[in-house]
Amino acid sequence: MAGAVLHWDFENAPIPRGVSVGRTFGEMRTLIHKRFGPLFGAFAYADPGALPQARKIELQAAGLDLIDCSRAAGKTNTVDFRIVCRALQDLARPMGTDGTRTAAVVVTGDGDFAYTISVLRNVCVPTMLIFDHDRQSTVNSLMLEIADFVEPLSFGGEDEEEEEAAEEAMETGSGGGGGGAPGPSTHDGGGAWQTVGPSNNPNAQARAERAFLHALRAAPAADDEGYRAATSVGELFHRLRRSPEPTKALRQGAYRRVRDAFLARNVITMKNGQHNLPYLKLTTPPPSASVSA
């Protein structure tokens, strides 16, 4: 295998206070080993002066090389330039015996890296994006669309504002009788898979709803009214959620359950667009705070 090199934008994708660098990086390493094989290098990019000494010790102990991206000289985008230079340096590595190149893995949500990822893909460099599943709103939608592989990973912290919004959305749907997400049905292929639904896993439902709302905002607008193509929303939804269902039918069922729950609660509206395909958008104005970011 050609292996991989990891580039972690530690300023854009930090670890929440109290969470171990070793644990989070260990989960990243497992994902990389499963996909690409050996990890040849792991770099964390940040201003050392802005990091507590304990964090720097953790990074070193975990096997991450801290790249100095201080802004002492008043320059901006230092992290971006350092990652781009090192990613391009990887092109000098020889191809594997199977013709593959060393993969570039970036840990960030910054859309400024979309161009670099695209250029690397043009020359057959495999790319992977890892981002904090608990802070999906910080991830630029271009990165979700451009990378070869997308791996949401819980860094161990929750975005409190998004968590409260998701909980309020669930409460809004649970009070009126029939407002909550419907259970699995034979129509949507859910009879054998029941991880999404407030009746059996409220946390999974809240995460699915947050992923759906973020996907709806991040998908490109399809018309002047602000509708998004349901296919684009669905694709981003599955990437953000890292859909656990084992088959396509079950993944589609999970998507439909969240969509139908939001339709029932008037959080979103749906219409048929070009070629009779479904289009979605948030209601205007949205009901209460149930869809706040």
C-alpha atoms as a PDB file:
ATOM      1  CA  MET A   1       0.000   0.000   0.000  1.00  0.00           C
ATOM      2  CA  ALA A   2       1.123   3.573  -0.688  1.00  0.00           C
ATOM      3  CA  GLY A   3       0.135   4.769   2.801  1.00  0.00           C
ATOM      4  CA  ALA A   4      -0.835   8.283   3.860  1.00  0.00           C
ATOM      5  CA  VAL A   5       0.335  11.524   5.473  1.00  0.00           C
ATOM      6  CA  LEU A   6      -1.920  13.421   7.873  1.00  0.00           C
ATOM      7  CA  HIS A   7      -2.147  17.224   8.008  1.00  0.00           C
ATOM      8  CA  TRP A   8      -4.125  18.508  11.005  1.00  0.00           C
ATOM      9  CA  ASP A   9      -5.185  22.162  10.990  1.00  0.00           C
ATOM     10  CA  PHE A  10      -5.181  22.377  14.783  1.00  0.00           C
ATOM     11  CA  GLU A  11      -6.412  25.982  14.740  1.00  0.00           C
ATOM     12  CA  ASN A  12      -9.468  25.245  12.616  1.00  0.00           C
ATOM     13  CA  ALA A  13     -10.193  21.829  14.111  1.00  0.00           C
ATOM     14  CA  PRO A  14      -9.084  21.926  17.757  1.00  0.00           C
ATOM     15  CA  ILE A  15      -9.836  19.327  20.397  1.00  0.00           C
ATOM     16  CA  PRO A  16     -12.320  20.451  23.061  1.00  0.00           C
ATOM     17  CA  ARG A  17     -10.943  21.197  26.496  1.00  0.00           C
ATOM     18  CA  GLY A  18     -10.537  18.099  28.594  1.00  0.00           C
ATOM     19  CA  VAL A  19     -10.358  15.694  25.639  1.00  0.00           C
ATOM     20  CA  SER A  20      -7.205  13.669  25.056  1.00  0.00           C
ATOM     21  CA  VAL A  21      -5.135  14.270  21.922  1.00  0.00           C
ATOM     22  CA  GLY A  22      -3.970  10.673  22.041  1.00  0.00           C
ATOM     23  CA  ARG A  23      -7.511   9.263  21.973  1.00  0.00           C
ATOM     24  CA  THR A  24      -8.707  11.473  19.116  1.00  0.00           C
ATOM     25  CA  PHE A  25      -5.556  10.969  17.041  1.00  0.00           C
ATOM     26  CA  GLY A  26      -5.726   7.234  17.711  1.00  0.00           C
ATOM     27  CA  GLU A  27      -9.185   7.093  16.148  1.00  0.00           C
ATOM     28  CA  MET A  28      -7.919   9.075  13.150  1.00  0.00           C
ATOM     29  CA  ARG A  29      -5.021   6.671  12.754  1.00  0.00           C
ATOM     30  CA  THR A  30      -7.386   3.690  12.816  1.00  0.00           C
ATOM     31  CA  LEU A  31      -9.473   5.232  10.016  1.00  0.00           C
ATOM     32  CA  ILE A  32      -6.345   5.872   7.953  1.00  0.00           C
ATOM     33  CA  HIS A  33      -4.935   2.378   8.473  1.00  0.00           C
ATOM     34  CA  LYS A  34      -8.187   0.799   7.339  1.00  0.00           C
ATOM     35  CA  ARG A  35      -8.349   2.936   4.200  1.00  0.00           C
ATOM     36  CA  PHE A  36      -4.723   3.493   3.129  1.00  0.00           C
ATOM     37  CA  GLY A  37      -2.388   1.388   5.245  1.00  0.00           C
ATOM     38  CA  PRO A  38       0.725   2.858   6.927  1.00  0.00           C
ATOM     39  CA  LEU A  39       0.763   6.427   8.220  1.00  0.00           C
ATOM     40  CA  PHE A  40       4.127   7.851   7.104  1.00  0.00           C
ATOM     41  CA  GLY A  41       3.787  11.247   8.744  1.00  0.00           C
ATOM     42  CA  ALA A  42       1.458  13.171  11.049  1.00  0.00           C
ATOM     43  CA  PHE A  43       1.665  16.949  11.385  1.00  0.00           C
ATOM     44  CA  ALA A  44      -0.301  19.383  13.551  1.00  0.00           C
ATOM     45  CA  TYR A  45      -0.262  23.011  12.386  1.00  0.00           C
ATOM     46  CA  ALA A  46      -0.748  25.755  14.979  1.00  0.00           C
ATOM     47  CA  ASP A  47       0.784  28.748  16.718  1.00  0.00           C
ATOM     48  CA  PRO A  48       2.821  27.170  19.548  1.00  0.00           C
ATOM     49  CA  GLY A  49       2.473  30.346  21.574  1.00  0.00           C
ATOM     50  CA  ALA A  50      -1.298  29.939  21.596  1.00  0.00           C
ATOM     51  CA  LEU A  51      -1.183  26.337  22.863  1.00  0.00           C
ATOM     52  CA  PRO A  52      -0.933  25.357  26.536  1.00  0.00           C
ATOM     53  CA  GLN A  53       2.256  23.507  27.372  1.00  0.00           C
ATOM     54  CA  ALA A  54       0.216  20.427  28.295  1.00  0.00           C
ATOM     55  CA  ARG A  55      -1.293  20.335  24.780  1.00  0.00           C
ATOM     56  CA  LYS A  56       2.138  20.513  23.161  1.00  0.00           C
ATOM     57  CA  ILE A  57       3.327  17.639  25.317  1.00  0.00           C
ATOM     58  CA  GLU A  58       0.243  15.620  24.328  1.00  0.00           C
ATOM     59  CA  LEU A  59       0.856  16.254  20.628  1.00  0.00           C
ATOM     60  CA  GLN A  60       4.441  15.105  20.920  1.00  0.00           C
ATOM     61  CA  ALA A  61       3.535  12.026  22.937  1.00  0.00           C
ATOM     62  CA  ALA A  62       0.889  11.065  20.363  1.00  0.00           C
ATOM     63  CA  GLY A  63       3.479  11.113  17.564  1.00  0.00           C
ATOM     64  CA  LEU A  64       2.376  14.369  15.940  1.00  0.00           C
ATOM     65  CA  ASP A  65       5.008  16.847  14.761  1.00  0.00           C
ATOM     66  CA  LEU A  66       3.952  20.390  15.672  1.00  0.00           C
ATOM     67  CA  ILE A  67       4.573  22.780  12.771  1.00  0.00           C
ATOM     68  CA  ASP A  68       5.145  26.367  13.902  1.00  0.00           C
ATOM     69  CA  CYS A  69       2.537  28.576  12.233  1.00  0.00           C
ATOM     70  CA  SER A  70       2.877  31.610  14.475  1.00  0.00           C
ATOM     71  CA  ARG A  71       1.705  35.012  13.296  1.00  0.00           C
ATOM     72  CA  ALA A  72       4.539  36.932  14.919  1.00  0.00           C
ATOM     73  CA  ALA A  73       5.404  38.547  11.589  1.00  0.00           C
ATOM     74  CA  GLY A  74       1.804  39.641  11.057  1.00  0.00           C
ATOM     75  CA  LYS A  75       1.211  37.207   8.212  1.00  0.00           C
ATOM     76  CA  THR A  76      -2.147  35.458   7.794  1.00  0.00           C
ATOM     77  CA  ASN A  77      -2.989  32.076   6.263  1.00  0.00           C
ATOM     78  CA  THR A  78       0.259  30.638   7.602  1.00  0.00           C
ATOM     79  CA  VAL A  79      -1.368  27.291   8.330  1.00  0.00           C
ATOM     80  CA  ASP A  80      -2.791  27.116   4.811  1.00  0.00           C
ATOM     81  CA  PHE A  81       0.584  27.723   3.172  1.00  0.00           C
ATOM     82  CA  ARG A  82       2.434  25.215   5.346  1.00  0.00           C
ATOM     83  CA  ILE A  83      -0.107  22.454   4.701  1.00  0.00           C
ATOM     84  CA  VAL A  84      -0.163  23.143   0.955  1.00  0.00           C
ATOM     85  CA  CYS A  85       3.658  23.022   0.738  1.00  0.00           C
ATOM     86  CA  ARG A  86       3.899  19.759   2.649  1.00  0.00           C
ATOM     87  CA  ALA A  87       1.021  18.186   0.729  1.00  0.00           C
ATOM     88  CA  LEU A  88       2.697  19.043  -2.575  1.00  0.00           C
ATOM     89  CA  GLN A  89       6.000  17.709  -1.226  1.00  0.00           C
ATOM     90  CA  ASP A  90       4.291  14.329  -0.888  1.00  0.00           C
ATOM     91  CA  LEU A  91       4.024  14.217  -4.674  1.00  0.00           C
ATOM     92  CA  ALA A  92       7.758  13.568  -4.757  1.00  0.00           C
ATOM     93  CA  ARG A  93       7.234  10.220  -3.062  1.00  0.00           C
ATOM     94  CA  PRO A  94       7.498   7.334  -5.517  1.00  0.00           C
ATOM     95  CA  MET A  95       4.341   5.580  -6.581  1.00  0.00           C
ATOM     96  CA  GLY A  96       3.548   2.233  -5.042  1.00  0.00           C
ATOM     97  CA  THR A  97       4.048  -0.953  -7.017  1.00  0.00           C
ATOM     98  CA  ASP A  98       0.317  -0.872  -7.746  1.00  0.00           C
ATOM     99  CA  GLY A  99       0.575   2.622  -9.244  1.00  0.00           C
ATOM    100  CA  THR A 100      -0.995   4.435  -6.283  1.00  0.00           C
ATOM    101  CA  ARG A 101       0.348   7.537  -4.575  1.00  0.00           C
ATOM    102  CA  THR A 102       0.642   8.414  -0.908  1.00  0.00           C
ATOM    103  CA  ALA A 103      -2.731   9.719   0.285  1.00  0.00           C
ATOM    104  CA  ALA A 104      -3.169  13.218   1.700  1.00  0.00           C
ATOM    105  CA  VAL A 105      -5.394  13.314   4.788  1.00  0.00           C
ATOM    106  CA  VAL A 106      -6.495  16.737   6.041  1.00  0.00           C
ATOM    107  CA  VAL A 107      -8.200  17.447   9.347  1.00  0.00           C
ATOM    108  CA  THR A 108     -10.001  20.740   8.893  1.00  0.00           C
ATOM    109  CA  GLY A 109     -13.236  22.403   7.898  1.00  0.00           C
ATOM    110  CA  ASP A 110     -11.584  25.281   6.043  1.00  0.00           C
ATOM    111  CA  GLY A 111     -12.839  25.616   2.468  1.00  0.00           C
ATOM    112  CA  ASP A 112      -9.558  27.279   1.433  1.00  0.00           C
ATOM    113  CA  PHE A 113      -8.089  23.791   1.069  1.00  0.00           C
ATOM    114  CA  ALA A 114     -10.648  22.752  -1.549  1.00  0.00           C
ATOM    115  CA  TYR A 115      -8.422  23.897  -4.410  1.00  0.00           C
ATOM    116  CA  THR A 116      -5.411  21.989  -3.074  1.00  0.00           C
ATOM    117  CA  ILE A 117      -7.476  18.829  -2.614  1.00  0.00           C
ATOM    118  CA  SER A 118      -8.780  19.135  -6.171  1.00  0.00           C
ATOM    119  CA  VAL A 119      -5.280  19.572  -7.611  1.00  0.00           C
ATOM    120  CA  LEU A 120      -4.020  16.549  -5.695  1.00  0.00           C
ATOM    121  CA  ARG A 121      -6.887  14.460  -7.031  1.00  0.00           C
ATOM    122  CA  ASN A 122      -6.034  15.592 -10.563  1.00  0.00           C
ATOM    123  CA  VAL A 123      -2.657  13.855 -10.242  1.00  0.00           C
ATOM    124  CA  CYS A 124      -4.153  10.696  -8.697  1.00  0.00           C
ATOM    125  CA  VAL A 125      -3.329  11.468  -5.065  1.00  0.00           C
ATOM    126  CA  PRO A 126      -6.037   9.898  -2.868  1.00  0.00           C
ATOM    127  CA  THR A 127      -7.527  12.438  -0.444  1.00  0.00           C
ATOM    128  CA  MET A 128      -9.434  12.143   2.806  1.00  0.00           C
ATOM    129  CA  LEU A 129     -11.176  14.782   4.916  1.00  0.00           C
ATOM    130  CA  ILE A 130     -11.612  14.203   8.654  1.00  0.00           C
ATOM    131  CA  PHE A 131     -13.701  16.692  10.602  1.00  0.00           C
ATOM    132  CA  ASP A 132     -15.300  17.086  14.008  1.00  0.00           C
ATOM    133  CA  HIS A 133     -18.692  15.398  13.807  1.00  0.00           C
ATOM    134  CA  ASP A 134     -19.821  17.379  16.856  1.00  0.00           C
ATOM    135  CA  ARG A 135     -19.252  20.717  15.098  1.00  0.00           C
ATOM    136  CA  GLN A 136     -20.583  20.138  11.616  1.00  0.00           C
ATOM    137  CA  SER A 137     -21.439  23.800  11.085  1.00  0.00           C
ATOM    138  CA  THR A 138     -17.708  24.626  10.936  1.00  0.00           C
ATOM    139  CA  VAL A 139     -17.166  22.464   7.840  1.00  0.00           C
ATOM    140  CA  ASN A 140     -17.238  24.107   4.426  1.00  0.00           C
ATOM    141  CA  SER A 141     -19.574  22.218   2.077  1.00  0.00           C
ATOM    142  CA  LEU A 142     -16.994  22.339  -0.738  1.00  0.00           C
ATOM    143  CA  MET A 143     -14.686  20.136   1.308  1.00  0.00           C
ATOM    144  CA  LEU A 144     -17.455  17.579   1.753  1.00  0.00           C
ATOM    145  CA  GLU A 145     -17.991  17.394  -1.995  1.00  0.00           C
ATOM    146  CA  ILE A 146     -14.388  17.433  -3.222  1.00  0.00           C
ATOM    147  CA  ALA A 147     -12.456  14.959  -1.045  1.00  0.00           C
ATOM    148  CA  ASP A 148     -12.341  11.317  -2.161  1.00  0.00           C
ATOM    149  CA  PHE A 149     -13.278  10.109   1.305  1.00  0.00           C
ATOM    150  CA  VAL A 150     -15.055  11.947   4.120  1.00  0.00           C
ATOM    151  CA  GLU A 151     -14.820  10.710   7.710  1.00  0.00           C
ATOM    152  CA  PRO A 152     -16.833  12.499  10.409  1.00  0.00           C
ATOM    153  CA  LEU A 153     -15.238  11.815  13.792  1.00  0.00           C
ATOM    154  CA  SER A 154     -16.444  12.875  17.221  1.00  0.00           C
ATOM    155  CA  PHE A 155     -13.648  14.858  18.867  1.00  0.00           C
ATOM    156  CA  GLY A 156     -15.466  14.468  22.162  1.00  0.00           C
ATOM    157  CA  GLY A 157     -17.192  17.833  22.499  1.00  0.00           C
ATOM    158  CA  GLU A 158     -20.622  19.132  21.550  1.00  0.00           C
ATOM    159  CA  ASP A 159     -21.459  22.472  20.005  1.00  0.00           C
ATOM    160  CA  GLU A 160     -23.830  23.668  22.745  1.00  0.00           C
ATOM    161  CA  GLU A 161     -25.840  25.958  20.510  1.00  0.00           C
ATOM    162  CA  GLU A 162     -26.460  23.249  17.918  1.00  0.00           C
ATOM    163  CA  GLU A 163     -27.210  20.684  20.623  1.00  0.00           C
ATOM    164  CA  GLU A 164     -29.852  22.946  22.186  1.00  0.00           C
ATOM    165  CA  ALA A 165     -31.386  23.669  18.775  1.00  0.00           C
ATOM    166  CA  ALA A 166     -31.613  19.976  17.946  1.00  0.00           C
ATOM    167  CA  GLU A 167     -33.173  19.167  21.319  1.00  0.00           C
ATOM    168  CA  GLU A 168     -35.698  21.961  20.874  1.00  0.00           C
ATOM    169  CA  ALA A 169     -36.523  20.692  17.386  1.00  0.00           C
ATOM    170  CA  MET A 170     -37.182  17.253  18.837  1.00  0.00           C
ATOM    171  CA  GLU A 171     -39.366  18.706  21.607  1.00  0.00           C
ATOM    172  CA  THR A 172     -41.324  20.707  19.040  1.00  0.00           C
ATOM    173  CA  GLY A 173     -42.133  17.515  17.181  1.00  0.00           C
ATOM    174  CA  SER A 174     -42.902  15.366  20.211  1.00  0.00           C
ATOM    175  CA  GLY A 175     -45.692  17.369  21.785  1.00  0.00           C
ATOM    176  CA  GLY A 176     -48.485  17.409  19.232  1.00  0.00           C
ATOM    177  CA  GLY A 177     -49.069  13.723  18.745  1.00  0.00           C
ATOM    178  CA  GLY A 178     -47.428  12.312  15.651  1.00  0.00           C
ATOM    179  CA  GLY A 179     -44.869  15.130  15.293  1.00  0.00           C
ATOM    180  CA  GLY A 180     -41.840  13.012  16.089  1.00  0.00           C
ATOM    181  CA  ALA A 181     -39.912  11.008  13.539  1.00  0.00           C
ATOM    182  CA  PRO A 182     -41.947   8.024  12.397  1.00  0.00           C
ATOM    183  CA  GLY A 183     -40.648   4.589  13.216  1.00  0.00           C
ATOM    184  CA  PRO A 184     -39.235   2.220  10.602  1.00  0.00           C
ATOM    185  CA  SER A 185     -41.668   0.860   8.040  1.00  0.00           C
ATOM    186  CA  THR A 186     -41.655  -1.659   5.214  1.00  0.00           C
ATOM    187  CA  HIS A 187     -41.958   1.220   2.762  1.00  0.00           C
ATOM    188  CA  ASP A 188     -38.628   2.785   3.702  1.00  0.00           C
ATOM    189  CA  GLY A 189     -36.815  -0.458   4.383  1.00  0.00           C
ATOM    190  CA  GLY A 190     -36.570   0.147   8.109  1.00  0.00           C
ATOM    191  CA  GLY A 191     -38.020  -3.080   9.465  1.00  0.00           C
ATOM    192  CA  ALA A 192     -34.632  -4.573  10.315  1.00  0.00           C
ATOM    193  CA  TRP A 193     -32.774  -1.393  11.265  1.00  0.00           C
ATOM    194  CA  GLN A 194     -33.947   0.844  14.083  1.00  0.00           C
ATOM    195  CA  THR A 195     -31.129   3.157  15.114  1.00  0.00           C
ATOM    196  CA  VAL A 196     -32.907   6.373  14.102  1.00  0.00           C
ATOM    197  CA  GLY A 197     -35.975   7.367  16.060  1.00  0.00           C
ATOM    198  CA  PRO A 198     -36.707   9.160  19.330  1.00  0.00           C
ATOM    199  CA  SER A 199     -38.453   6.093  20.724  1.00  0.00           C
ATOM    200  CA  ASN A 200     -35.286   4.007  20.833  1.00  0.00           C
ATOM    201  CA  ASN A 201     -32.297   6.352  20.456  1.00  0.00           C
ATOM    202  CA  PRO A 202     -32.861  10.077  21.074  1.00  0.00           C
ATOM    203  CA  ASN A 203     -29.164  10.891  20.678  1.00  0.00           C
ATOM    204  CA  ALA A 204     -29.034   9.265  17.245  1.00  0.00           C
ATOM    205  CA  GLN A 205     -32.166  11.164  16.227  1.00  0.00           C
ATOM    206  CA  ALA A 206     -30.725  14.498  17.406  1.00  0.00           C
ATOM    207  CA  ARG A 207     -27.493  13.906  15.485  1.00  0.00           C
ATOM    208  CA  ALA A 208     -29.407  12.878  12.375  1.00  0.00           C
ATOM    209  CA  GLU A 209     -31.541  16.023  12.571  1.00  0.00           C
ATOM    210  CA  ARG A 210     -28.477  18.258  12.969  1.00  0.00           C
ATOM    211  CA  ALA A 211     -26.833  16.561   9.991  1.00  0.00           C
ATOM    212  CA  PHE A 212     -29.957  17.049   7.870  1.00  0.00           C
ATOM    213  CA  LEU A 213     -30.274  20.764   8.716  1.00  0.00           C
ATOM    214  CA  HIS A 214     -26.605  21.399   8.018  1.00  0.00           C
ATOM    215  CA  ALA A 215     -26.820  19.471   4.745  1.00  0.00           C
ATOM    216  CA  LEU A 216     -29.860  21.525   3.729  1.00  0.00           C
ATOM    217  CA  ARG A 217     -28.006  24.790   4.391  1.00  0.00           C
ATOM    218  CA  ALA A 218     -24.775  23.613   2.763  1.00  0.00           C
ATOM    219  CA  ALA A 219     -26.286  22.200  -0.450  1.00  0.00           C
ATOM    220  CA  PRO A 220     -26.172  24.597  -3.420  1.00  0.00           C
ATOM    221  CA  ALA A 221     -29.346  26.530  -4.177  1.00  0.00           C
ATOM    222  CA  ALA A 222     -31.191  25.129  -7.182  1.00  0.00           C
ATOM    223  CA  ASP A 223     -33.405  28.154  -7.896  1.00  0.00           C
ATOM    224  CA  ASP A 224     -34.047  31.771  -6.910  1.00  0.00           C
ATOM    225  CA  GLU A 225     -36.452  30.705  -4.169  1.00  0.00           C
ATOM    226  CA  GLY A 226     -33.680  28.989  -2.230  1.00  0.00           C
ATOM    227  CA  TYR A 227     -34.776  25.397  -2.781  1.00  0.00           C
ATOM    228  CA  ARG A 228     -32.114  22.685  -2.759  1.00  0.00           C
ATOM    229  CA  ALA A 229     -32.206  19.495  -4.800  1.00  0.00           C
ATOM    230  CA  ALA A 230     -33.128  16.638  -2.488  1.00  0.00           C
ATOM    231  CA  THR A 231     -30.405  14.485  -4.060  1.00  0.00           C
ATOM    232  CA  SER A 232     -27.725  17.017  -3.027  1.00  0.00           C
ATOM    233  CA  VAL A 233     -29.160  17.275   0.472  1.00  0.00           C
ATOM    234  CA  GLY A 234     -29.262  13.504   0.794  1.00  0.00           C
ATOM    235  CA  GLU A 235     -25.664  13.036  -0.322  1.00  0.00           C
ATOM    236  CA  LEU A 236     -24.363  15.613   2.167  1.00  0.00           C
ATOM    237  CA  PHE A 237     -26.594  14.171   4.889  1.00  0.00           C
ATOM    238  CA  HIS A 238     -25.062  10.713   4.540  1.00  0.00           C
ATOM    239  CA  ARG A 239     -21.525  12.091   4.463  1.00  0.00           C
ATOM    240  CA  LEU A 240     -22.040  14.253   7.529  1.00  0.00           C
ATOM    241  CA  ARG A 241     -23.711  11.462   9.427  1.00  0.00           C
ATOM    242  CA  ARG A 242     -21.309   8.737   8.259  1.00  0.00           C
ATOM    243  CA  SER A 243     -24.404   6.594   7.773  1.00  0.00           C
ATOM    244  CA  PRO A 244     -24.093   3.354   9.760  1.00  0.00           C
ATOM    245  CA  GLU A 245     -26.809   1.391   7.965  1.00  0.00           C
ATOM    246  CA  PRO A 246     -25.406  -1.584   5.998  1.00  0.00           C
ATOM    247  CA  THR A 247     -27.474  -1.145   2.812  1.00  0.00           C
ATOM    248  CA  LYS A 248     -28.488   1.689   0.518  1.00  0.00           C
ATOM    249  CA  ALA A 249     -32.194   1.023   1.143  1.00  0.00           C
ATOM    250  CA  LEU A 250     -31.741   1.392   4.896  1.00  0.00           C
ATOM    251  CA  ARG A 251     -29.679   4.569   4.508  1.00  0.00           C
ATOM    252  CA  GLN A 252     -32.410   6.040   2.319  1.00  0.00           C
ATOM    253  CA  GLY A 253     -34.938   5.033   4.951  1.00  0.00           C
ATOM    254  CA  ALA A 254     -33.015   6.927   7.638  1.00  0.00           C
ATOM    255  CA  TYR A 255     -32.950  10.010   5.410  1.00  0.00           C
ATOM    256  CA  ARG A 256     -36.685   9.793   4.710  1.00  0.00           C
ATOM    257  CA  ARG A 257     -37.545   9.476   8.382  1.00  0.00           C
ATOM    258  CA  VAL A 258     -35.756  12.707   9.254  1.00  0.00           C
ATOM    259  CA  ARG A 259     -37.135  14.474   6.176  1.00  0.00           C
ATOM    260  CA  ASP A 260     -40.709  13.378   6.869  1.00  0.00           C
ATOM    261  CA  ALA A 261     -40.445  14.376  10.539  1.00  0.00           C
ATOM    262  CA  PHE A 262     -39.350  17.883   9.534  1.00  0.00           C
ATOM    263  CA  LEU A 263     -42.110  18.106   6.931  1.00  0.00           C
ATOM    264  CA  ALA A 264     -44.683  17.099   9.543  1.00  0.00           C
ATOM    265  CA  ARG A 265     -43.415  19.796  11.903  1.00  0.00           C
ATOM    266  CA  ASN A 266     -43.301  22.418   9.120  1.00  0.00           C
ATOM    267  CA  VAL A 267     -39.557  22.908   9.589  1.00  0.00           C
ATOM    268  CA  ILE A 268     -38.999  22.376   5.855  1.00  0.00           C
ATOM    269  CA  THR A 269     -41.104  22.533   2.704  1.00  0.00           C
ATOM    270  CA  MET A 270     -40.872  20.347  -0.391  1.00  0.00           C
ATOM    271  CA  LYS A 271     -41.889  20.814  -4.021  1.00  0.00           C
ATOM    272  CA  ASN A 272     -41.369  19.058  -7.334  1.00  0.00           C
ATOM    273  CA  GLY A 273     -38.863  20.833  -9.528  1.00  0.00           C
ATOM    274  CA  GLN A 274     -37.275  20.100 -12.894  1.00  0.00           C
ATOM    275  CA  HIS A 275     -37.944  16.623 -14.255  1.00  0.00           C
ATOM    276  CA  ASN A 276     -40.408  16.187 -11.361  1.00  0.00           C
ATOM    277  CA  LEU A 277     -37.547  15.760  -8.871  1.00  0.00           C
ATOM    278  CA  PRO A 278     -38.084  16.794  -5.217  1.00  0.00           C
ATOM    279  CA  TYR A 279     -36.645  20.067  -3.916  1.00  0.00           C
ATOM    280  CA  LEU A 280     -36.366  21.152  -0.265  1.00  0.00           C
ATOM    281  CA  LYS A 281     -35.867  24.339   1.728  1.00  0.00           C
ATOM    282  CA  LEU A 282     -36.313  25.647   5.249  1.00  0.00           C
ATOM    283  CA  THR A 283     -39.673  27.265   5.959  1.00  0.00           C
ATOM    284  CA  THR A 284     -39.710  31.070   5.810  1.00  0.00           C
ATOM    285  CA  PRO A 285     -39.685  32.180   8.531  1.00  0.00           C
ATOM    286  CA  PRO A 286     -38.637  28.996  10.339  1.00  0.00           C
ATOM    287  CA  PRO A 287     -40.878  27.944  13.230  1.00  0.00           C
ATOM    288  CA  SER A 288     -39.520  29.290  16.550  1.00  0.00           C
ATOM    289  CA  ALA A 289     -35.853  28.371  17.156  1.00  0.00           C
ATOM    290  CA  SER A 290     -36.082  24.763  16.066  1.00  0.00           C
ATOM    291  CA  VAL A 291     -33.843  25.298  13.059  1.00  0.00           C
ATOM    292  CA  SER A 292     -31.444  27.849  14.468  1.00  0.00           C
ATOM    293  CA  ALA A 293     -27.776  27.169  13.753  1.00  0.00           C
END
